[in-house]
Protein backbone atom coordinates (compact mmCIF):
# COMPACT_ATOMS: atom_id res chain seq x y z
CA MET A 1 -35.27 -18.29 119.30
CA ARG A 2 -35.29 -21.43 117.16
CA LEU A 3 -37.00 -24.67 118.07
CA VAL A 4 -38.07 -28.06 116.74
CA TYR A 5 -41.72 -29.03 117.25
CA TRP A 6 -42.53 -32.75 117.26
CA LYS A 7 -46.09 -33.37 116.03
CA TRP A 8 -47.76 -36.74 116.56
CA SER A 9 -51.54 -36.25 116.09
CA SER A 10 -52.10 -34.88 119.59
CA PHE A 11 -55.02 -32.70 120.62
CA PHE A 12 -54.68 -29.00 119.66
CA GLU A 13 -51.36 -29.63 117.89
CA ASN A 14 -52.22 -27.21 115.07
CA SER A 15 -53.11 -24.59 117.66
CA ILE A 16 -49.49 -24.80 118.84
CA VAL A 17 -48.38 -23.97 115.30
CA ASP A 18 -50.69 -20.96 115.28
CA ALA A 19 -49.33 -19.86 118.65
CA LEU A 20 -45.71 -20.11 117.48
CA ASP A 21 -46.58 -18.10 114.36
CA GLN A 22 -48.28 -15.40 116.45
CA LEU A 23 -45.26 -15.24 118.75
CA ASN A 24 -42.91 -14.93 115.75
CA VAL A 25 -40.91 -17.95 116.86
CA GLU A 26 -38.70 -19.66 114.30
CA TYR A 27 -39.54 -23.36 114.32
CA ILE A 28 -39.19 -26.55 112.30
CA VAL A 29 -41.85 -29.27 112.43
CA TYR A 30 -40.87 -32.91 112.73
CA GLU A 31 -44.05 -34.91 112.18
CA LYS A 32 -44.21 -38.61 112.96
CA ASN A 33 -46.75 -40.79 114.78
CA ILE A 34 -45.35 -43.58 116.92
CA VAL A 35 -46.92 -46.27 119.11
CA GLU A 36 -43.96 -47.15 121.33
CA TRP A 37 -42.60 -44.09 123.15
CA GLU A 38 -39.81 -45.74 125.16
CA ASN A 39 -38.02 -48.53 123.29
CA ASN A 40 -38.14 -47.35 119.69
CA LYS A 41 -34.72 -47.53 118.05
CA GLU A 42 -36.02 -46.46 114.64
CA PHE A 43 -37.60 -43.27 115.97
CA GLU A 44 -34.57 -42.55 118.16
CA ASP A 45 -32.13 -42.87 115.27
CA THR A 46 -34.16 -40.88 112.74
CA PHE A 47 -35.01 -38.09 115.18
CA GLU A 48 -31.42 -37.82 116.41
CA LYS A 49 -30.12 -37.55 112.83
CA PHE A 50 -32.75 -34.91 112.11
CA ILE A 51 -31.67 -32.87 115.14
CA GLU A 52 -27.99 -33.19 114.24
CA CYS A 53 -28.65 -32.02 110.69
CA ILE A 54 -30.76 -29.05 111.78
CA ASN A 55 -28.41 -28.12 114.61
CA ASP A 56 -25.33 -28.16 112.35
CA ASN A 57 -27.03 -25.70 110.05
CA LYS A 58 -28.13 -23.32 112.81
CA LYS A 59 -28.28 -23.73 116.59
CA ILE A 60 -31.50 -25.13 118.10
CA ASP A 61 -32.60 -23.49 121.34
CA ALA A 62 -35.25 -26.02 122.28
CA ILE A 63 -37.36 -29.03 121.29
CA PHE A 64 -41.10 -28.91 122.03
CA SER A 65 -43.83 -31.54 122.18
CA ILE A 66 -47.32 -32.11 123.49
CA ASN A 67 -46.92 -34.78 126.20
CA TYR A 68 -43.55 -36.03 127.33
CA ASN A 69 -41.41 -38.33 125.19
CA PRO A 70 -38.48 -40.02 127.02
CA ILE A 71 -36.64 -40.71 123.75
CA ILE A 72 -36.64 -37.02 122.86
CA ALA A 73 -35.63 -36.17 126.43
CA LYS A 74 -32.62 -38.50 126.13
CA ILE A 75 -31.52 -37.01 122.80
CA ALA A 76 -31.99 -33.45 124.05
CA ASN A 77 -30.03 -34.18 127.21
CA ASN A 78 -27.14 -35.76 125.30
CA LYS A 79 -26.93 -32.73 123.02
CA GLU A 80 -27.55 -30.19 125.81
CA ILE A 81 -30.73 -28.84 124.23
CA ILE A 82 -33.71 -27.71 126.30
CA TYR A 83 -36.73 -30.03 125.94
CA ILE A 84 -40.14 -28.46 126.64
CA SER A 85 -43.16 -30.74 127.04
CA TRP A 86 -46.75 -29.87 127.97
CA ILE A 87 -48.54 -32.86 129.49
CA TYR A 88 -52.33 -33.18 129.15
CA ASP A 89 -52.58 -36.84 130.25
CA SER A 90 -52.80 -38.09 133.80
CA PRO A 91 -51.07 -40.33 134.48
CA ILE A 92 -48.30 -39.99 131.94
CA HIS A 93 -48.25 -43.24 129.96
CA ILE A 94 -44.62 -44.28 130.20
CA ARG A 95 -43.16 -47.01 132.36
CA ASP A 96 -39.73 -45.60 133.23
CA LEU A 97 -39.74 -42.06 134.69
CA SER A 98 -35.95 -41.78 135.14
CA THR A 99 -35.41 -39.55 132.07
CA MET A 100 -37.80 -36.99 133.57
CA LYS A 101 -35.03 -36.01 136.02
CA TYR A 102 -32.77 -34.58 133.29
CA LYS A 103 -31.75 -30.96 133.89
CA THR A 104 -32.48 -30.12 130.24
CA ASN A 105 -36.19 -30.88 130.74
CA ARG A 106 -38.85 -28.21 131.12
CA ILE A 107 -41.90 -30.30 131.97
CA PHE A 108 -45.28 -28.55 132.20
CA THR A 109 -48.27 -30.45 133.61
CA PHE A 110 -51.96 -29.49 133.63
CA ASP A 111 -52.62 -31.28 136.91
CA ARG A 112 -51.16 -29.59 140.00
CA GLY A 113 -51.67 -32.79 141.98
CA GLN A 114 -49.47 -34.62 139.47
CA VAL A 115 -46.81 -31.91 139.85
CA GLU A 116 -46.75 -32.61 143.59
CA CYS A 117 -46.50 -36.34 142.91
CA PHE A 118 -43.56 -35.74 140.54
CA LYS A 119 -41.86 -33.63 143.19
CA LYS A 120 -41.95 -36.53 145.66
CA GLN A 121 -40.17 -38.64 143.03
CA GLY A 122 -37.44 -36.05 142.51
CA ILE A 123 -38.87 -34.78 139.21
CA GLU A 124 -39.08 -31.03 138.64
CA SER A 125 -42.13 -29.87 136.71
CA PHE A 126 -44.28 -26.77 136.40
CA HIS A 127 -48.04 -26.48 136.80
CA LEU A 128 -49.59 -25.09 133.62
CA PRO A 129 -53.37 -25.46 133.09
CA LEU A 130 -54.64 -26.27 129.62
CA ARG A 131 -56.53 -23.95 127.31
CA CYS A 132 -58.69 -24.45 124.21
CA ASP A 133 -58.45 -22.90 120.76
CA TYR A 134 -61.56 -20.74 121.12
CA ASN A 135 -61.32 -19.23 117.63
CA HIS A 136 -61.03 -22.65 116.00
CA LEU A 137 -64.01 -24.04 117.91
CA GLN A 138 -66.13 -21.01 117.11
CA LYS A 139 -65.17 -21.14 113.43
CA ILE A 140 -66.48 -24.71 113.13
CA ILE A 141 -69.75 -23.73 114.82
CA ARG A 142 -70.13 -20.58 112.74
CA GLU A 143 -69.53 -22.34 109.42
CA THR A 144 -71.88 -25.30 110.08
CA LYS A 145 -75.30 -25.12 108.44
CA ALA A 146 -78.38 -25.11 110.66
CA SER A 147 -79.66 -28.32 109.07
CA LYS A 148 -76.41 -30.07 109.99
CA MET A 149 -76.69 -28.87 113.58
CA GLU A 150 -79.81 -31.01 114.07
CA GLU A 151 -77.68 -34.16 113.99
CA TYR A 152 -75.96 -33.15 117.22
CA LYS A 153 -78.89 -31.98 119.35
CA SER A 154 -79.48 -33.81 122.61
CA ASP A 155 -80.62 -33.26 126.18
CA ILE A 156 -77.47 -34.73 127.69
CA SER A 157 -74.27 -35.74 125.94
CA PHE A 158 -71.03 -37.36 126.99
CA VAL A 159 -67.89 -37.64 124.87
CA GLY A 160 -65.22 -40.06 126.02
CA LYS A 161 -64.03 -43.55 126.74
CA LEU A 162 -65.97 -46.10 128.75
CA TYR A 163 -62.62 -47.49 129.91
CA ASP A 164 -63.33 -51.16 129.27
CA ASN A 165 -60.29 -52.88 130.71
CA ASP A 166 -58.68 -56.13 131.86
CA TYR A 167 -59.75 -55.73 135.50
CA PRO A 168 -61.67 -59.06 135.71
CA SER A 169 -58.81 -61.14 134.29
CA VAL A 170 -56.18 -59.38 136.43
CA ILE A 171 -58.19 -59.81 139.64
CA GLU A 172 -59.49 -63.35 139.06
CA PRO A 173 -56.28 -65.25 140.04
CA LEU A 174 -55.90 -63.38 143.35
CA TYR A 175 -56.74 -64.78 146.76
CA ASP A 176 -59.94 -63.62 148.44
CA TYR A 177 -58.28 -61.13 150.80
CA GLU A 178 -56.54 -59.23 147.99
CA LYS A 179 -59.73 -59.28 145.88
CA GLY A 180 -61.72 -57.88 148.77
CA TYR A 181 -59.08 -55.27 149.54
CA ILE A 182 -59.05 -53.96 145.97
CA GLU A 183 -62.84 -53.84 145.84
CA GLY A 184 -62.72 -51.86 149.08
CA VAL A 185 -60.31 -49.38 147.48
CA ILE A 186 -62.66 -48.98 144.53
CA ARG A 187 -65.74 -48.40 146.69
CA SER A 188 -63.91 -45.91 148.90
CA GLN A 189 -62.59 -43.87 145.97
CA MET A 190 -65.98 -43.86 144.24
CA GLN A 191 -67.44 -42.08 147.25
CA LEU A 192 -64.74 -39.39 147.26
CA TYR A 193 -64.86 -36.35 144.99
CA GLY A 194 -61.94 -33.95 145.21
CA ALA A 195 -59.59 -36.43 146.89
CA TYR A 196 -57.46 -39.20 145.41
CA ILE A 197 -56.46 -42.12 147.64
CA VAL A 198 -55.77 -45.00 145.25
CA ASP A 199 -52.00 -44.38 145.11
CA GLU A 200 -51.72 -44.55 148.90
CA LEU A 201 -53.78 -47.75 149.12
CA VAL A 202 -51.91 -49.61 146.37
CA THR A 203 -49.09 -50.58 148.72
CA ASN A 204 -45.88 -52.49 148.09
CA ASN A 205 -47.27 -55.28 150.26
CA LEU A 206 -50.38 -55.55 148.08
CA ILE A 207 -48.28 -55.79 144.92
CA LYS A 208 -46.06 -58.41 146.57
CA LYS A 209 -49.09 -60.56 147.44
CA MET A 210 -50.62 -60.11 143.99
CA ASN A 211 -47.42 -61.20 142.26
CA GLN A 212 -47.12 -64.16 144.61
CA ALA A 213 -50.66 -65.23 143.66
CA TYR A 214 -49.86 -64.94 139.95
CA LYS A 215 -46.71 -67.01 140.46
CA GLU A 216 -48.67 -69.73 142.23
CA ARG A 217 -51.88 -69.69 140.17
CA VAL A 218 -50.98 -68.53 136.65
CA LYS A 219 -48.85 -70.68 134.38
CA GLU A 220 -47.58 -67.82 132.23
CA LYS A 221 -45.01 -65.43 133.70
CA PHE A 222 -47.08 -62.48 134.82
CA GLN A 223 -46.06 -59.76 137.27
CA VAL A 224 -47.43 -56.26 137.97
CA THR A 225 -46.14 -52.96 139.36
CA ASN A 226 -47.70 -50.33 141.62
CA ARG A 227 -48.25 -47.90 138.75
CA GLN A 228 -49.93 -50.55 136.59
CA ILE A 229 -52.37 -51.58 139.30
CA GLU A 230 -53.05 -47.99 140.34
CA PHE A 231 -54.02 -47.12 136.77
CA LEU A 232 -56.06 -50.31 136.39
CA ILE A 233 -58.05 -49.54 139.54
CA ALA A 234 -58.54 -45.89 138.53
CA SER A 235 -59.73 -47.00 135.09
CA GLU A 236 -62.16 -49.47 136.64
CA ILE A 237 -63.55 -46.78 138.96
CA THR A 238 -63.99 -44.45 136.00
CA ARG A 239 -65.65 -47.22 133.97
CA ARG A 240 -68.13 -47.95 136.72
CA GLU A 241 -68.94 -44.30 137.39
CA ARG A 242 -69.48 -43.45 133.74
CA ARG A 243 -71.65 -46.52 133.19
CA ILE A 244 -73.75 -45.83 136.29
CA VAL A 245 -74.22 -42.14 135.48
CA LEU A 246 -75.17 -42.68 131.85
CA THR A 247 -77.49 -45.58 132.66
CA ILE A 248 -79.38 -43.72 135.38
CA LEU A 249 -79.72 -40.49 133.41
CA SER A 250 -80.90 -42.34 130.27
CA HIS A 251 -83.95 -43.76 132.06
CA GLU A 252 -85.70 -40.38 131.94
CA ASN A 253 -83.69 -38.35 129.41
CA ASN A 254 -82.29 -38.33 125.91
CA VAL A 255 -78.65 -39.26 126.58
CA VAL A 256 -76.17 -39.45 123.71
CA LEU A 257 -72.75 -41.06 124.04
CA TYR A 258 -69.90 -40.46 121.60
CA SER A 259 -67.44 -43.31 122.07
CA ASN A 260 -65.83 -46.09 120.06
CA GLU A 261 -66.66 -48.41 122.95
CA ASN A 262 -70.11 -49.86 123.54
CA ASN A 263 -71.88 -51.37 126.52
CA GLU A 264 -74.95 -53.44 125.76
CA LYS A 265 -76.21 -53.05 129.33
CA MET A 266 -76.71 -49.31 128.72
CA LYS A 267 -79.64 -50.06 126.41
CA ASP A 268 -81.29 -46.63 126.73
CA VAL A 269 -78.10 -44.70 125.94
CA ILE A 270 -77.78 -43.64 122.29
CA ASN A 271 -74.21 -44.40 121.25
CA LYS A 272 -73.28 -42.52 118.10
CA GLY A 273 -69.74 -43.87 118.03
CA TYR A 274 -66.50 -42.00 117.54
CA ILE A 275 -66.69 -38.26 116.94
CA ASP A 276 -63.94 -36.43 115.05
CA TYR A 277 -62.31 -34.24 117.67
CA ASP A 278 -60.93 -31.69 115.26
CA THR A 279 -63.98 -30.97 113.10
CA LYS A 280 -67.17 -32.14 114.85
CA LEU A 281 -66.55 -32.09 118.60
CA PRO A 282 -67.63 -28.45 119.13
CA LEU A 283 -70.93 -29.17 117.36
CA VAL A 284 -71.77 -31.75 120.05
CA PHE A 285 -70.98 -29.35 122.88
CA TYR A 286 -72.81 -26.42 121.29
CA ASN A 287 -75.99 -28.41 120.58
CA SER A 288 -76.29 -30.33 123.85
CA LYS A 289 -78.45 -28.84 126.57
CA ILE A 290 -76.12 -30.42 129.13
CA ASN A 291 -72.53 -31.57 128.53
CA LEU A 292 -71.12 -33.98 131.10
CA ASN A 293 -67.54 -34.19 132.23
CA ILE A 294 -66.74 -37.33 134.25
CA SER A 295 -63.01 -37.17 134.87
CA LEU A 296 -60.61 -40.09 134.78
CA LYS A 297 -59.88 -40.76 138.46
CA THR A 298 -56.12 -40.41 138.07
CA ILE A 299 -56.58 -36.68 137.42
CA ARG A 300 -55.88 -35.51 140.95
CA THR A 301 -56.74 -31.79 140.91
CA GLY A 302 -56.50 -30.62 137.31
CA ILE A 303 -59.01 -29.33 134.78
CA PRO A 304 -59.33 -31.81 131.89
CA LEU A 305 -59.08 -30.56 128.31
CA ARG A 306 -62.72 -31.59 127.83
CA VAL A 307 -63.87 -28.84 130.21
CA TRP A 308 -62.05 -26.10 128.30
CA GLU A 309 -63.41 -27.39 124.99
CA ILE A 310 -67.01 -27.52 126.22
CA LEU A 311 -66.87 -23.94 127.45
CA GLY A 312 -65.00 -22.84 124.32
CA SER A 313 -67.83 -24.29 122.23
CA ASP A 314 -70.47 -22.21 124.08
CA GLY A 315 -71.59 -25.34 125.92
CA PHE A 316 -73.27 -25.71 129.31
CA LEU A 317 -71.20 -27.92 131.62
CA ILE A 318 -71.92 -30.19 134.57
CA SER A 319 -68.77 -31.84 135.90
CA ASN A 320 -67.61 -33.93 138.82
CA PHE A 321 -65.78 -31.89 141.45
CA GLN A 322 -62.12 -31.12 140.74
CA GLU A 323 -60.11 -28.90 143.07
CA GLU A 324 -58.79 -26.63 140.31
CA LEU A 325 -62.24 -26.26 138.76
CA ALA A 326 -63.43 -24.73 142.03
CA GLU A 327 -60.45 -22.35 141.97
CA TYR A 328 -60.75 -21.19 138.36
CA PHE A 329 -64.54 -20.96 138.04
CA ASP A 330 -67.41 -19.63 140.11
CA ILE A 331 -69.46 -22.73 140.89
CA GLY A 332 -73.14 -22.25 140.12
CA ASN A 333 -72.42 -19.16 138.05
CA ASP A 334 -69.83 -20.28 135.46
CA ILE A 335 -70.20 -24.04 135.65
CA VAL A 336 -72.06 -26.65 137.72
CA LEU A 337 -70.32 -29.34 139.79
CA TYR A 338 -71.67 -32.46 141.48
CA ASP A 339 -70.40 -34.36 144.53
CA ASP A 340 -72.20 -37.67 143.97
CA VAL A 341 -74.47 -39.40 141.47
CA GLU A 342 -77.64 -38.60 143.39
CA GLN A 343 -76.85 -34.89 143.29
CA LEU A 344 -76.03 -35.13 139.57
CA VAL A 345 -79.47 -36.61 138.84
CA GLY A 346 -81.13 -33.70 140.63
CA LEU A 347 -78.97 -31.12 138.87
CA THR A 348 -79.65 -32.49 135.39
CA ASP A 349 -83.39 -32.53 136.08
CA PHE A 350 -83.32 -28.92 137.32
CA TYR A 351 -81.25 -27.49 134.47
CA LEU A 352 -83.13 -29.35 131.74
CA ARG A 353 -86.28 -27.62 133.01
CA ASN A 354 -84.64 -24.18 133.37
CA GLU A 355 -83.29 -22.99 130.04
CA SER A 356 -82.81 -19.38 131.14
CA GLU A 357 -80.62 -20.48 134.06
CA ARG A 358 -78.64 -22.76 131.76
CA ASN A 359 -78.02 -19.90 129.37
CA ARG A 360 -76.99 -17.53 132.16
CA ILE A 361 -74.38 -19.97 133.46
CA ARG A 362 -73.22 -20.86 129.96
CA GLU A 363 -72.61 -17.19 129.08
CA ASN A 364 -70.74 -16.61 132.34
CA GLY A 365 -68.60 -19.66 131.65
CA ILE A 366 -67.59 -18.29 128.26
CA LYS A 367 -66.62 -14.93 129.79
CA ARG A 368 -64.58 -16.62 132.49
CA LEU A 369 -62.81 -18.84 129.96
CA LYS A 370 -61.86 -15.83 127.83
CA SER A 371 -60.43 -14.04 130.86
CA TYR A 372 -57.77 -16.74 131.26
CA GLY A 373 -56.19 -16.16 127.88
CA THR A 374 -55.28 -18.50 125.07
CA ILE A 375 -53.00 -21.36 124.09
CA LYS A 376 -50.64 -18.70 122.76
CA ASP A 377 -50.33 -17.20 126.25
CA GLN A 378 -49.49 -20.62 127.72
CA VAL A 379 -46.91 -21.32 124.99
CA LYS A 380 -45.29 -17.96 125.74
CA ARG A 381 -45.04 -18.92 129.45
CA MET A 382 -43.31 -22.17 128.52
CA LEU A 383 -40.83 -20.51 126.16
CA GLU A 384 -39.87 -18.06 128.89
CA GLN A 385 -38.30 -21.02 130.75
CA ILE A 386 -35.67 -21.58 128.06
């Protein structure tokens, strides 16, 4: 087997290299970061020439990438080469999904709910949960001096975006009914854990009325689509939930946020800024008494990468409910889940006061994580579809 691996500074990209080496797969790395993934003539031309050159020398069996790139899909389809992609984002951040229907695609998605959504759109994909590079995470922890560890100690930590967005400016030109409707969608979804309803409530009629309002009230040409508004609403829900959770918990606890975004209203939250994901992230998880996972609302059922990394760093986890989390882990024994903010407050108070129970659950979580195998095992499953 011979494949081309496109690297673009994704999460765990070097772990894919290690997996390919362990599986004795012949591969060639094409490394290039790009901003525009759909209309990028320069990337399309250079990558196509690269593939032609490599393929003339010796046949390529497949092209592989983390996340799905429609330009690569188009090139692979034209040249009748299998294109394997492993998606860890939800939703996938491309506008036009038509290339995802190519028969040469082998699309793997961490979120089973997203797989079902793709199916309704005529897109074939496979459900493949994520994994973490346990050995890499443990190596960082093992090689860090005790004095350095002190920098990362906290009662409660959260790593992630605050999802500041353009919601106010997008909503402001709308008429009162549409504003009220969207706020109703947000409030309804915020009360639901384990169910996603935003896509059903962002109707064609709503989008039609929104675009009519923009046409009548905004001078510049400005129109929106269902997918854009669905993601905007989901981002706004996530922003509100994360802000509320961190603010409430910080009133009584030492709460540390690692994010390049800041919110002055969360005055008791200690924001330490961006954390390097490749070299320092496991130190946060290992040294926090409680690690929070507050999922982006567009993740329908899946287990976010953050969960795997927390457990792989010997961290204790409290997460919002996700359907697949309840399937893969024993709740209350491997990890802890909450159904609403009030319950989360009670859980954090209990586990901060009960170190032995925290450690018991943390150790069980590590054992459970190990039982599911490695990134190498998942890469092998993908290559078997060639």
